[in-house]
C-alpha atoms as a PDB file:
ATOM      1  CA  MET A   1     -17.711 -20.584 -28.823  1.00  0.00           C
ATOM      2  CA  ASP A   2     -17.076 -18.793 -25.533  1.00  0.00           C
ATOM      3  CA  LYS A   3     -18.292 -15.225 -26.139  1.00  0.00           C
ATOM      4  CA  ARG A   4     -15.232 -13.939 -24.285  1.00  0.00           C
ATOM      5  CA  LEU A   5     -13.087 -15.215 -27.154  1.00  0.00           C
ATOM      6  CA  THR A   6     -14.883 -13.085 -29.763  1.00  0.00           C
ATOM      7  CA  PHE A   7     -12.749 -10.169 -28.538  1.00  0.00           C
ATOM      8  CA  ASN A   8      -9.705 -12.153 -29.685  1.00  0.00           C
ATOM      9  CA  GLU A   9     -10.862 -12.298 -33.326  1.00  0.00           C
ATOM     10  CA  ASP A  10      -9.955  -8.763 -34.402  1.00  0.00           C
ATOM     11  CA  VAL A  11      -7.482  -7.352 -31.913  1.00  0.00           C
ATOM     12  CA  GLU A  12      -6.475  -4.215 -33.805  1.00  0.00           C
ATOM     13  CA  ASN A  13     -10.093  -3.133 -34.335  1.00  0.00           C
ATOM     14  CA  TYR A  14     -10.765  -3.701 -30.629  1.00  0.00           C
ATOM     15  CA  ASP A  15      -7.780  -1.597 -29.617  1.00  0.00           C
ATOM     16  CA  LYS A  16      -8.662   1.227 -32.017  1.00  0.00           C
ATOM     17  CA  TRP A  17     -12.316   1.652 -31.112  1.00  0.00           C
ATOM     18  CA  ARG A  18     -12.845   0.517 -27.537  1.00  0.00           C
ATOM     19  CA  PRO A  19     -12.956   3.615 -25.314  1.00  0.00           C
ATOM     20  CA  THR A  20     -10.390   4.481 -22.703  1.00  0.00           C
ATOM     21  CA  TYR A  21     -11.498   5.860 -19.345  1.00  0.00           C
ATOM     22  CA  CYS A  22     -11.475   9.403 -18.011  1.00  0.00           C
ATOM     23  CA  GLU A  23      -8.504  10.762 -16.085  1.00  0.00           C
ATOM     24  CA  GLU A  24     -10.673  11.552 -13.068  1.00  0.00           C
ATOM     25  CA  LEU A  25     -11.547   7.866 -12.649  1.00  0.00           C
ATOM     26  CA  PHE A  26      -7.892   6.854 -12.508  1.00  0.00           C
ATOM     27  CA  GLU A  27      -7.121   9.677 -10.081  1.00  0.00           C
ATOM     28  CA  ASP A  28      -9.888   8.455  -7.787  1.00  0.00           C
ATOM     29  CA  ILE A  29      -8.576   4.865  -7.854  1.00  0.00           C
ATOM     30  CA  MET A  30      -4.977   5.968  -7.197  1.00  0.00           C
ATOM     31  CA  ALA A  31      -6.035   8.168  -4.284  1.00  0.00           C
ATOM     32  CA  TYR A  32      -8.133   5.415  -2.705  1.00  0.00           C
ATOM     33  CA  SER A  33      -5.639   2.568  -3.200  1.00  0.00           C
ATOM     34  CA  GLN A  34      -2.383   4.500  -2.780  1.00  0.00           C
ATOM     35  CA  ILE A  35      -0.916   2.215  -5.424  1.00  0.00           C
ATOM     36  CA  GLY A  36       2.635   2.997  -6.465  1.00  0.00           C
ATOM     37  CA  GLN A  37       6.230   1.830  -6.529  1.00  0.00           C
ATOM     38  CA  GLY A  38       6.885  -1.173  -4.324  1.00  0.00           C
ATOM     39  CA  LYS A  39       3.269  -2.356  -4.506  1.00  0.00           C
ATOM     40  CA  LYS A  40       1.571  -5.045  -6.599  1.00  0.00           C
ATOM     41  CA  ALA A  41      -1.498  -4.685  -8.806  1.00  0.00           C
ATOM     42  CA  LEU A  42      -3.510  -7.249 -10.739  1.00  0.00           C
ATOM     43  CA  GLU A  43      -5.660  -6.416 -13.781  1.00  0.00           C
ATOM     44  CA  ILE A  44      -8.395  -8.900 -14.675  1.00  0.00           C
ATOM     45  CA  GLY A  45      -9.178  -8.917 -18.411  1.00  0.00           C
ATOM     46  CA  ILE A  46      -6.675  -6.472 -19.886  1.00  0.00           C
ATOM     47  CA  GLY A  47      -8.008  -6.730 -23.457  1.00  0.00           C
ATOM     48  CA  THR A  48      -5.703  -4.376 -25.339  1.00  0.00           C
ATOM     49  CA  GLY A  49      -4.932  -2.193 -22.339  1.00  0.00           C
ATOM     50  CA  GLN A  50      -7.558   0.555 -22.381  1.00  0.00           C
ATOM     51  CA  ALA A  51      -7.155   0.914 -18.606  1.00  0.00           C
ATOM     52  CA  THR A  52      -3.551  -0.192 -18.132  1.00  0.00           C
ATOM     53  CA  ARG A  53      -1.053   2.600 -18.766  1.00  0.00           C
ATOM     54  CA  PRO A  54      -2.104   4.865 -15.849  1.00  0.00           C
ATOM     55  CA  PHE A  55      -1.372   2.032 -13.408  1.00  0.00           C
ATOM     56  CA  LEU A  56       1.957   1.176 -15.044  1.00  0.00           C
ATOM     57  CA  ASN A  57       2.943   4.822 -14.764  1.00  0.00           C
ATOM     58  CA  THR A  58       2.630   4.648 -10.976  1.00  0.00           C
ATOM     59  CA  GLY A  59       5.614   2.296 -10.903  1.00  0.00           C
ATOM     60  CA  CYS A  60       3.713  -0.564  -9.296  1.00  0.00           C
ATOM     61  CA  GLU A  61       4.380  -4.161 -10.328  1.00  0.00           C
ATOM     62  CA  LEU A  62       1.413  -4.959 -12.578  1.00  0.00           C
ATOM     63  CA  THR A  63       0.328  -8.455 -13.601  1.00  0.00           C
ATOM     64  CA  ALA A  64      -2.436  -8.617 -16.208  1.00  0.00           C
ATOM     65  CA  ILE A  65      -4.657 -11.614 -16.913  1.00  0.00           C
ATOM     66  CA  GLU A  66      -6.124 -12.159 -20.379  1.00  0.00           C
ATOM     67  CA  LEU A  67      -7.998 -15.183 -21.711  1.00  0.00           C
ATOM     68  CA  GLY A  68      -7.533 -14.309 -25.403  1.00  0.00           C
ATOM     69  CA  LYS A  69      -4.167 -15.451 -26.736  1.00  0.00           C
ATOM     70  CA  ASP A  70      -3.898 -12.718 -29.396  1.00  0.00           C
ATOM     71  CA  LEU A  71      -5.082 -10.016 -26.991  1.00  0.00           C
ATOM     72  CA  ALA A  72      -2.461 -11.077 -24.453  1.00  0.00           C
ATOM     73  CA  ALA A  73       0.282 -11.031 -27.088  1.00  0.00           C
ATOM     74  CA  TYR A  74      -0.863  -7.626 -28.354  1.00  0.00           C
ATOM     75  CA  SER A  75      -0.818  -6.097 -24.872  1.00  0.00           C
ATOM     76  CA  LYS A  76       2.559  -7.607 -24.083  1.00  0.00           C
ATOM     77  CA  LEU A  77       3.975  -5.898 -27.166  1.00  0.00           C
ATOM     78  CA  LYS A  78       2.062  -2.651 -26.598  1.00  0.00           C
ATOM     79  CA  PHE A  79       3.555  -2.157 -23.125  1.00  0.00           C
ATOM     80  CA  GLN A  80       6.922  -3.775 -23.723  1.00  0.00           C
ATOM     81  CA  GLU A  81       8.814  -0.685 -22.573  1.00  0.00           C
ATOM     82  CA  TYR A  82       7.523  -1.190 -19.025  1.00  0.00           C
ATOM     83  CA  LYS A  83       9.745  -3.442 -16.920  1.00  0.00           C
ATOM     84  CA  ASN A  84       7.040  -3.574 -14.226  1.00  0.00           C
ATOM     85  CA  PHE A  85       4.549  -5.394 -16.478  1.00  0.00           C
ATOM     86  CA  THR A  86       3.645  -9.084 -16.937  1.00  0.00           C
ATOM     87  CA  VAL A  87       0.829 -10.676 -18.948  1.00  0.00           C
ATOM     88  CA  CYS A  88      -0.619 -14.103 -18.144  1.00  0.00           C
ATOM     89  CA  ASN A  89      -2.627 -15.745 -20.934  1.00  0.00           C
ATOM     90  CA  THR A  90      -5.168 -17.617 -18.849  1.00  0.00           C
ATOM     91  CA  ALA A  91      -8.653 -17.407 -17.373  1.00  0.00           C
ATOM     92  CA  PHE A  92      -8.925 -15.782 -13.951  1.00  0.00           C
ATOM     93  CA  GLU A  93     -10.491 -19.006 -12.697  1.00  0.00           C
ATOM     94  CA  GLU A  94      -7.232 -20.835 -13.542  1.00  0.00           C
ATOM     95  CA  PHE A  95      -4.824 -18.082 -12.516  1.00  0.00           C
ATOM     96  CA  GLU A  96      -2.393 -18.990  -9.728  1.00  0.00           C
ATOM     97  CA  TYR A  97      -0.815 -16.382  -7.483  1.00  0.00           C
ATOM     98  CA  PRO A  98       0.117 -16.251  -3.787  1.00  0.00           C
ATOM     99  CA  ASP A  99      -2.664 -15.429  -1.355  1.00  0.00           C
ATOM    100  CA  ASP A 100      -2.525 -12.142   0.584  1.00  0.00           C
ATOM    101  CA  SER A 101       0.051 -10.681  -1.815  1.00  0.00           C
ATOM    102  CA  VAL A 102      -1.716  -8.048  -3.955  1.00  0.00           C
ATOM    103  CA  ASP A 103      -2.334  -4.395  -3.043  1.00  0.00           C
ATOM    104  CA  LEU A 104      -4.841  -3.651  -5.815  1.00  0.00           C
ATOM    105  CA  VAL A 105      -7.073  -5.830  -7.979  1.00  0.00           C
ATOM    106  CA  TYR A 106      -8.950  -3.989 -10.726  1.00  0.00           C
ATOM    107  CA  SER A 107     -11.041  -4.876 -13.738  1.00  0.00           C
ATOM    108  CA  ALA A 108     -12.290  -2.625 -16.542  1.00  0.00           C
ATOM    109  CA  THR A 109     -15.552  -3.758 -18.184  1.00  0.00           C
ATOM    110  CA  ALA A 110     -14.580  -7.405 -17.725  1.00  0.00           C
ATOM    111  CA  PHE A 111     -15.419  -8.656 -14.227  1.00  0.00           C
ATOM    112  CA  HIS A 112     -18.953  -9.712 -15.214  1.00  0.00           C
ATOM    113  CA  TRP A 113     -17.509 -12.513 -17.369  1.00  0.00           C
ATOM    114  CA  ILE A 114     -16.384 -14.419 -14.258  1.00  0.00           C
ATOM    115  CA  PRO A 115     -18.945 -16.382 -12.206  1.00  0.00           C
ATOM    116  CA  GLU A 116     -19.730 -14.387  -9.063  1.00  0.00           C
ATOM    117  CA  ALA A 117     -19.184 -17.358  -6.761  1.00  0.00           C
ATOM    118  CA  THR A 118     -15.596 -17.552  -8.042  1.00  0.00           C
ATOM    119  CA  SER A 119     -14.642 -13.955  -8.696  1.00  0.00           C
ATOM    120  CA  TYR A 120     -15.164 -12.189  -5.361  1.00  0.00           C
ATOM    121  CA  PRO A 121     -13.848 -14.958  -3.065  1.00  0.00           C
ATOM    122  CA  LYS A 122     -10.724 -15.401  -5.187  1.00  0.00           C
ATOM    123  CA  VAL A 123     -10.047 -11.648  -5.260  1.00  0.00           C
ATOM    124  CA  SER A 124     -10.398 -11.584  -1.485  1.00  0.00           C
ATOM    125  CA  LYS A 125      -7.853 -14.402  -1.136  1.00  0.00           C
ATOM    126  CA  LEU A 126      -5.354 -12.633  -3.383  1.00  0.00           C
ATOM    127  CA  LEU A 127      -5.614  -9.217  -1.731  1.00  0.00           C
ATOM    128  CA  LYS A 128      -3.615  -8.189   1.303  1.00  0.00           C
ATOM    129  CA  THR A 129      -5.529  -6.963   4.324  1.00  0.00           C
ATOM    130  CA  ASN A 130      -6.651  -3.394   3.468  1.00  0.00           C
ATOM    131  CA  GLY A 131      -5.952  -4.101  -0.197  1.00  0.00           C
ATOM    132  CA  THR A 132      -8.234  -2.446  -2.773  1.00  0.00           C
ATOM    133  CA  LEU A 133     -10.778  -3.871  -5.199  1.00  0.00           C
ATOM    134  CA  ALA A 134     -11.630  -1.488  -8.070  1.00  0.00           C
ATOM    135  CA  LEU A 135     -14.335  -2.488 -10.550  1.00  0.00           C
ATOM    136  CA  PHE A 136     -15.552  -0.248 -13.336  1.00  0.00           C
ATOM    137  CA  TRP A 137     -17.632  -0.544 -16.481  1.00  0.00           C
ATOM    138  CA  ASN A 138     -18.173   1.695 -19.488  1.00  0.00           C
ATOM    139  CA  ARG A 139     -21.778   1.480 -20.706  1.00  0.00           C
ATOM    140  CA  PRO A 140     -22.325   3.234 -24.057  1.00  0.00           C
ATOM    141  CA  PHE A 141     -25.835   4.538 -24.503  1.00  0.00           C
ATOM    142  CA  VAL A 142     -27.303   5.510 -27.869  1.00  0.00           C
ATOM    143  CA  ALA A 143     -30.892   6.403 -27.087  1.00  0.00           C
ATOM    144  CA  ARG A 144     -32.427   9.820 -26.591  1.00  0.00           C
ATOM    145  CA  GLU A 145     -36.207  10.252 -26.687  1.00  0.00           C
ATOM    146  CA  ASN A 146     -35.831  13.633 -28.386  1.00  0.00           C
ATOM    147  CA  ASP A 147     -33.273  12.391 -30.936  1.00  0.00           C
ATOM    148  CA  GLU A 148     -34.801  10.998 -34.123  1.00  0.00           C
ATOM    149  CA  LEU A 149     -31.577   9.291 -35.234  1.00  0.00           C
ATOM    150  CA  HIS A 150     -31.287   7.335 -32.001  1.00  0.00           C
ATOM    151  CA  GLN A 151     -34.934   6.333 -32.208  1.00  0.00           C
ATOM    152  CA  ASN A 152     -34.385   5.092 -35.769  1.00  0.00           C
ATOM    153  CA  ILE A 153     -31.439   2.999 -34.625  1.00  0.00           C
ATOM    154  CA  GLN A 154     -33.481   1.469 -31.801  1.00  0.00           C
ATOM    155  CA  SER A 155     -36.150   0.422 -34.312  1.00  0.00           C
ATOM    156  CA  ILE A 156     -33.465  -1.167 -36.511  1.00  0.00           C
ATOM    157  CA  TYR A 157     -32.205  -3.158 -33.533  1.00  0.00           C
ATOM    158  CA  GLN A 158     -35.746  -4.354 -32.796  1.00  0.00           C
ATOM    159  CA  LYS A 159     -35.991  -5.571 -36.391  1.00  0.00           C
ATOM    160  CA  TYR A 160     -32.773  -7.587 -36.402  1.00  0.00           C
ATOM    161  CA  ARG A 161     -32.249  -8.358 -32.715  1.00  0.00           C
ATOM    162  CA  PRO A 162     -35.569  -8.008 -30.890  1.00  0.00           C
ATOM    163  CA  ALA A 163     -35.342  -7.542 -27.130  1.00  0.00           C
ATOM    164  CA  ASN A 164     -37.926  -6.931 -24.454  1.00  0.00           C
ATOM    165  CA  THR A 165     -35.319  -5.528 -22.098  1.00  0.00           C
ATOM    166  CA  LYS A 166     -35.081  -1.756 -22.143  1.00  0.00           C
ATOM    167  CA  ILE A 167     -31.569  -0.473 -21.549  1.00  0.00           C
ATOM    168  CA  ILE A 168     -31.507   2.022 -18.699  1.00  0.00           C
ATOM    169  CA  GLU A 169     -28.906   4.761 -18.837  1.00  0.00           C
ATOM    170  CA  ASN A 170     -28.642   5.451 -15.097  1.00  0.00           C
ATOM    171  CA  ASP A 171     -29.438   1.969 -13.822  1.00  0.00           C
ATOM    172  CA  THR A 172     -29.789   2.388 -10.054  1.00  0.00           C
ATOM    173  CA  GLU A 173     -31.009  -1.194  -9.670  1.00  0.00           C
ATOM    174  CA  ARG A 174     -27.773  -2.458 -11.249  1.00  0.00           C
ATOM    175  CA  TYR A 175     -25.618  -0.119  -9.161  1.00  0.00           C
ATOM    176  CA  ASN A 176     -27.298  -1.168  -5.920  1.00  0.00           C
ATOM    177  CA  TYR A 177     -26.977  -4.849  -6.798  1.00  0.00           C
ATOM    178  CA  ILE A 178     -23.229  -4.571  -7.381  1.00  0.00           C
ATOM    179  CA  LEU A 179     -22.750  -2.528  -4.202  1.00  0.00           C
ATOM    180  CA  LYS A 180     -24.654  -5.094  -2.119  1.00  0.00           C
ATOM    181  CA  THR A 181     -22.751  -7.955  -3.758  1.00  0.00           C
ATOM    182  CA  ILE A 182     -19.371  -6.407  -2.935  1.00  0.00           C
ATOM    183  CA  GLN A 183     -20.428  -5.868   0.671  1.00  0.00           C
ATOM    184  CA  GLY A 184     -21.917  -9.356   0.828  1.00  0.00           C
ATOM    185  CA  TYR A 185     -18.503 -10.876   0.144  1.00  0.00           C
ATOM    186  CA  GLY A 186     -16.997  -9.053   3.117  1.00  0.00           C
ATOM    187  CA  PHE A 187     -15.469  -5.998   1.454  1.00  0.00           C
ATOM    188  CA  ARG A 188     -15.751  -2.709   3.359  1.00  0.00           C
ATOM    189  CA  ASP A 189     -15.403   1.065   2.908  1.00  0.00           C
ATOM    190  CA  VAL A 190     -17.306   0.775  -0.363  1.00  0.00           C
ATOM    191  CA  VAL A 191     -17.321   3.853  -2.610  1.00  0.00           C
ATOM    192  CA  PHE A 192     -19.465   4.317  -5.724  1.00  0.00           C
ATOM    193  CA  LYS A 193     -19.117   7.015  -8.385  1.00  0.00           C
ATOM    194  CA  LEU A 194     -20.443   7.743 -11.883  1.00  0.00           C
ATOM    195  CA  TYR A 195     -18.673   9.508 -14.754  1.00  0.00           C
ATOM    196  CA  HIS A 196     -20.231  10.710 -18.021  1.00  0.00           C
ATOM    197  CA  LEU A 197     -18.540  11.174 -21.400  1.00  0.00           C
ATOM    198  CA  THR A 198     -19.728  11.804 -24.972  1.00  0.00           C
ATOM    199  CA  ARG A 199     -18.150  10.434 -28.155  1.00  0.00           C
ATOM    200  CA  ARG A 200     -19.117  11.200 -31.763  1.00  0.00           C
ATOM    201  CA  PHE A 201     -18.740   8.830 -34.717  1.00  0.00           C
ATOM    202  CA  PRO A 202     -19.221   8.919 -38.487  1.00  0.00           C
ATOM    203  CA  SER A 203     -21.150   5.887 -39.742  1.00  0.00           C
ATOM    204  CA  ALA A 204     -18.148   3.763 -40.788  1.00  0.00           C
ATOM    205  CA  ASP A 205     -16.420   4.288 -37.450  1.00  0.00           C
ATOM    206  CA  TYR A 206     -19.555   3.421 -35.499  1.00  0.00           C
ATOM    207  CA  ILE A 207     -19.873   0.134 -37.383  1.00  0.00           C
ATOM    208  CA  ALA A 208     -16.226  -0.595 -36.535  1.00  0.00           C
ATOM    209  CA  LEU A 209     -17.012   0.105 -32.873  1.00  0.00           C
ATOM    210  CA  LEU A 210     -19.974  -2.300 -32.962  1.00  0.00           C
ATOM    211  CA  ASN A 211     -17.615  -4.997 -34.219  1.00  0.00           C
ATOM    212  CA  SER A 212     -15.626  -4.761 -30.993  1.00  0.00           C
ATOM    213  CA  TYR A 213     -18.588  -6.102 -28.966  1.00  0.00           C
ATOM    214  CA  SER A 214     -19.205  -9.804 -28.411  1.00  0.00           C
ATOM    215  CA  ASP A 215     -22.998  -9.720 -28.798  1.00  0.00           C
ATOM    216  CA  HIS A 216     -22.651  -7.981 -32.166  1.00  0.00           C
ATOM    217  CA  ARG A 217     -19.906 -10.273 -33.482  1.00  0.00           C
ATOM    218  CA  SER A 218     -21.864 -13.373 -32.467  1.00  0.00           C
ATOM    219  CA  MET A 219     -24.969 -12.453 -34.505  1.00  0.00           C
ATOM    220  CA  PRO A 220     -25.831 -14.633 -37.539  1.00  0.00           C
ATOM    221  CA  SER A 221     -23.957 -13.174 -40.518  1.00  0.00           C
ATOM    222  CA  ALA A 222     -27.059 -12.253 -42.555  1.00  0.00           C
ATOM    223  CA  ALA A 223     -28.690 -10.423 -39.653  1.00  0.00           C
ATOM    224  CA  LYS A 224     -25.405  -8.730 -38.746  1.00  0.00           C
ATOM    225  CA  GLU A 225     -24.897  -7.464 -42.301  1.00  0.00           C
ATOM    226  CA  GLY A 226     -28.485  -6.187 -42.540  1.00  0.00           C
ATOM    227  CA  LEU A 227     -28.250  -4.458 -39.160  1.00  0.00           C
ATOM    228  CA  GLU A 228     -24.974  -2.751 -40.056  1.00  0.00           C
ATOM    229  CA  ALA A 229     -26.223  -1.612 -43.468  1.00  0.00           C
ATOM    230  CA  GLU A 230     -29.387  -0.029 -42.069  1.00  0.00           C
ATOM    231  CA  ILE A 231     -27.607   1.624 -39.145  1.00  0.00           C
ATOM    232  CA  LYS A 232     -24.979   3.043 -41.481  1.00  0.00           C
ATOM    233  CA  GLU A 233     -27.674   4.429 -43.792  1.00  0.00           C
ATOM    234  CA  ALA A 234     -29.570   5.965 -40.872  1.00  0.00           C
ATOM    235  CA  ILE A 235     -26.476   7.765 -39.574  1.00  0.00           C
ATOM    236  CA  MET A 236     -25.600   9.051 -43.051  1.00  0.00           C
ATOM    237  CA  ASN A 237     -29.133  10.431 -43.394  1.00  0.00           C
ATOM    238  CA  PHE A 238     -28.501  12.559 -40.294  1.00  0.00           C
ATOM    239  CA  GLY A 239     -25.269  14.234 -41.370  1.00  0.00           C
ATOM    240  CA  ASP A 240     -23.101  11.141 -40.863  1.00  0.00           C
ATOM    241  CA  VAL A 241     -22.561  11.857 -37.143  1.00  0.00           C
ATOM    242  CA  LEU A 242     -23.803   9.744 -34.231  1.00  0.00           C
ATOM    243  CA  SER A 243     -23.328  10.705 -30.568  1.00  0.00           C
ATOM    244  CA  VAL A 244     -22.621   7.957 -28.039  1.00  0.00           C
ATOM    245  CA  TYR A 245     -23.195   8.794 -24.378  1.00  0.00           C
ATOM    246  CA  ASP A 246     -20.943   6.859 -22.005  1.00  0.00           C
ATOM    247  CA  THR A 247     -21.808   6.175 -18.380  1.00  0.00           C
ATOM    248  CA  ILE A 248     -18.917   4.742 -16.363  1.00  0.00           C
ATOM    249  CA  ASP A 249     -19.709   3.204 -12.983  1.00  0.00           C
ATOM    250  CA  LEU A 250     -16.849   2.753 -10.492  1.00  0.00           C
ATOM    251  CA  TYR A 251     -16.858   0.667  -7.306  1.00  0.00           C
ATOM    252  CA  LEU A 252     -14.021   0.834  -4.773  1.00  0.00           C
ATOM    253  CA  ALA A 253     -13.701  -1.323  -1.674  1.00  0.00           C
ATOM    254  CA  ARG A 254     -11.155  -2.677   0.811  1.00  0.00           C
ATOM    255  CA  LYS A 255     -10.547  -6.207   1.990  1.00  0.00           C
END
């Protein structure tokens, strides 16, 4: 099964627990792109619309692409009051739209699902000259060296889903790679910015959040159940509150 389709399995849980993005991020994109009434925007991978309403509120004509059939239907219903909104249930690779016709293309924690050799060239074809590309990702981080609960959770993960890769909170290597990739495909005036947020969850809510992620949902059922049970117990042993530290990386560029 295509991992992208795991998001389509429990749409309401995804919509409830996936984080939205900070107001400052949207303000920065609006200021850079000057998107508004009379202009066209394209969202790649709408999901359930965690990053959609601020753009609709500008009055621009927004077309959203979503591979998951149920996610697309959910978002269509969620934003039905907006006359400037269209959802296309298709993969970006198959999406058809006139070249040189879009003022803003953006993607919220989704662009990595598209092969690089397809994604950037196709965006460039769709954008008008001086049109804006806005890419951003939310990366939740649950490790603190001085936090015993987070260390316990990391050991539980190593038990059920061992990994040699250490997750880096401020991943400068990743940031530089994306910046160089954007420039390598001919985009200019590249801007990079980080935002930091903190969320707090009781154990049951944190397990619900985990079930909105493809790598968690795709685990073998026995391992998934054991992982969830031990994480839930660990959080309850520490007052039933877990802090999640979000790092959001934003990249802006012009065609």
